[in-house]
């Protein structure tokens, strides 16, 4: 009888790559949000002067 609990699984590289890509995409979106927020603040300060 084979011990099925000890089956060695190969890593799912495609799934891992997708997870990394999604994380990078989320990080880029957050950076753009922050950048745009800073621009809006600077724009408002200029108008007030």
N, C-alpha and C. Protein backbone atom coordinates (compact mmCIF):
# COMPACT_ATOMS: atom_id res chain seq x y z
N UNK A 1 0.85 -1.19 0.00
CA UNK A 1 0.00 0.00 0.00
C UNK A 1 0.89 1.25 0.00
N UNK A 2 0.57 2.18 -0.86
CA UNK A 2 1.35 3.41 -0.96
C UNK A 2 0.88 4.44 0.06
N UNK A 3 1.83 5.18 0.58
CA UNK A 3 1.49 6.23 1.52
C UNK A 3 1.24 7.51 0.72
N UNK A 4 -0.01 7.86 0.50
CA UNK A 4 -0.37 9.00 -0.35
C UNK A 4 -0.13 10.34 0.35
N UNK A 5 0.05 10.32 1.64
CA UNK A 5 0.27 11.56 2.38
C UNK A 5 1.64 12.16 2.08
N UNK A 6 2.57 11.33 1.62
CA UNK A 6 3.92 11.82 1.38
C UNK A 6 4.20 12.08 -0.09
N UNK A 7 3.16 12.35 -0.87
CA UNK A 7 3.35 12.64 -2.29
C UNK A 7 4.02 14.00 -2.39
N UNK A 8 5.12 14.05 -3.11
CA UNK A 8 5.85 15.31 -3.27
C UNK A 8 5.22 16.09 -4.41
N UNK A 9 4.80 17.28 -4.14
CA UNK A 9 4.14 18.10 -5.16
C UNK A 9 5.13 19.11 -5.74
N UNK A 10 5.02 19.28 -7.04
CA UNK A 10 5.87 20.28 -7.70
C UNK A 10 5.23 21.65 -7.46
N UNK A 11 6.03 22.66 -7.29
CA UNK A 11 5.47 23.99 -7.06
C UNK A 11 4.72 24.49 -8.30
N UNK A 12 3.60 25.15 -8.06
CA UNK A 12 2.80 25.69 -9.15
C UNK A 12 3.36 27.07 -9.48
N UNK A 13 4.30 27.10 -10.42
CA UNK A 13 5.01 28.34 -10.74
C UNK A 13 4.09 29.38 -11.35
N UNK A 14 3.13 28.95 -12.15
CA UNK A 14 2.21 29.90 -12.77
C UNK A 14 1.38 30.62 -11.71
N UNK A 15 0.86 29.88 -10.77
CA UNK A 15 0.06 30.47 -9.70
C UNK A 15 0.91 31.41 -8.85
N UNK A 16 2.13 30.99 -8.57
CA UNK A 16 3.03 31.83 -7.77
C UNK A 16 3.35 33.13 -8.50
N UNK A 17 3.57 33.03 -9.81
CA UNK A 17 3.86 34.20 -10.63
C UNK A 17 2.68 35.17 -10.62
N UNK A 18 1.46 34.62 -10.71
CA UNK A 18 0.26 35.46 -10.70
C UNK A 18 0.10 36.18 -9.37
N UNK A 19 0.42 35.50 -8.28
CA UNK A 19 0.32 36.12 -6.95
C UNK A 19 1.30 37.28 -6.85
N UNK A 20 2.53 37.07 -7.31
CA UNK A 20 3.55 38.12 -7.27
C UNK A 20 3.12 39.29 -8.14
N UNK A 21 2.60 39.00 -9.34
CA UNK A 21 2.15 40.05 -10.25
C UNK A 21 1.02 40.87 -9.62
N UNK A 22 0.07 40.19 -8.99
CA UNK A 22 -1.05 40.88 -8.36
C UNK A 22 -0.56 41.79 -7.23
N UNK A 23 0.40 41.31 -6.46
CA UNK A 23 0.94 42.11 -5.35
C UNK A 23 1.64 43.36 -5.89
N UNK A 24 2.43 43.20 -6.95
CA UNK A 24 3.13 44.34 -7.54
C UNK A 24 2.14 45.34 -8.12
N UNK A 25 1.08 44.84 -8.75
CA UNK A 25 0.07 45.70 -9.35
C UNK A 25 -0.63 46.52 -8.26
N UNK A 26 -0.95 45.87 -7.15
CA UNK A 26 -1.59 46.56 -6.03
C UNK A 26 -0.66 47.64 -5.47
N UNK A 27 0.62 47.32 -5.38
CA UNK A 27 1.60 48.28 -4.85
C UNK A 27 1.70 49.49 -5.79
N UNK A 28 1.73 49.23 -7.10
CA UNK A 28 1.80 50.34 -8.06
C UNK A 28 0.57 51.23 -7.98
N UNK A 29 -0.60 50.62 -7.83
CA UNK A 29 -1.84 51.39 -7.70
C UNK A 29 -1.79 52.30 -6.48
N UNK A 30 -1.30 51.75 -5.35
CA UNK A 30 -1.21 52.52 -4.12
C UNK A 30 -0.25 53.70 -4.28
N UNK A 31 0.88 53.46 -4.95
CA UNK A 31 1.86 54.53 -5.17
C UNK A 31 1.26 55.62 -6.04
N UNK A 32 0.50 55.24 -7.07
CA UNK A 32 -0.13 56.24 -7.93
C UNK A 32 -1.16 57.04 -7.16
N UNK A 33 -1.92 56.37 -6.28
CA UNK A 33 -2.91 57.08 -5.47
C UNK A 33 -2.23 58.14 -4.61
N UNK A 34 -1.12 57.74 -3.97
CA UNK A 34 -0.39 58.68 -3.11
C UNK A 34 0.18 59.83 -3.92
N UNK A 35 0.72 59.52 -5.09
CA UNK A 35 1.30 60.54 -5.95
C UNK A 35 0.23 61.54 -6.39
N UNK A 36 -0.94 61.03 -6.78
CA UNK A 36 -2.02 61.90 -7.22
C UNK A 36 -2.57 62.72 -6.06
N UNK A 37 -2.61 62.15 -4.88
CA UNK A 37 -3.08 62.88 -3.71
C UNK A 37 -2.14 64.05 -3.41
N UNK A 38 -0.83 63.81 -3.52
CA UNK A 38 0.15 64.88 -3.29
C UNK A 38 -0.03 65.98 -4.33
N UNK A 39 -0.25 65.57 -5.58
CA UNK A 39 -0.44 66.57 -6.64
C UNK A 39 -1.67 67.42 -6.36
N UNK A 40 -2.76 66.77 -5.91
CA UNK A 40 -3.98 67.52 -5.62
C UNK A 40 -3.75 68.51 -4.49
N UNK A 41 -3.01 68.09 -3.47
CA UNK A 41 -2.72 68.99 -2.35
C UNK A 41 -1.90 70.18 -2.81
N UNK A 42 -0.89 69.93 -3.63
CA UNK A 42 -0.06 71.01 -4.14
C UNK A 42 -0.89 71.95 -5.00
N UNK A 43 -1.77 71.39 -5.81
CA UNK A 43 -2.63 72.19 -6.67
C UNK A 43 -3.55 73.08 -5.85
N UNK A 44 -4.09 72.57 -4.77
CA UNK A 44 -4.98 73.35 -3.92
C UNK A 44 -4.21 74.47 -3.23
N UNK A 45 -2.98 74.19 -2.82
CA UNK A 45 -2.18 75.21 -2.15
C UNK A 45 -1.87 76.36 -3.10
N UNK A 46 -1.62 76.04 -4.36
CA UNK A 46 -1.32 77.09 -5.33
C UNK A 46 -2.53 78.00 -5.55
N UNK A 47 -3.71 77.40 -5.58
CA UNK A 47 -4.92 78.19 -5.83
C UNK A 47 -5.24 79.12 -4.67
N UNK A 48 -4.88 78.70 -3.44
CA UNK A 48 -5.18 79.51 -2.27
C UNK A 48 -4.32 80.77 -2.20
N UNK A 49 -3.13 80.74 -2.77
CA UNK A 49 -2.21 81.88 -2.67
C UNK A 49 -2.67 83.08 -3.43
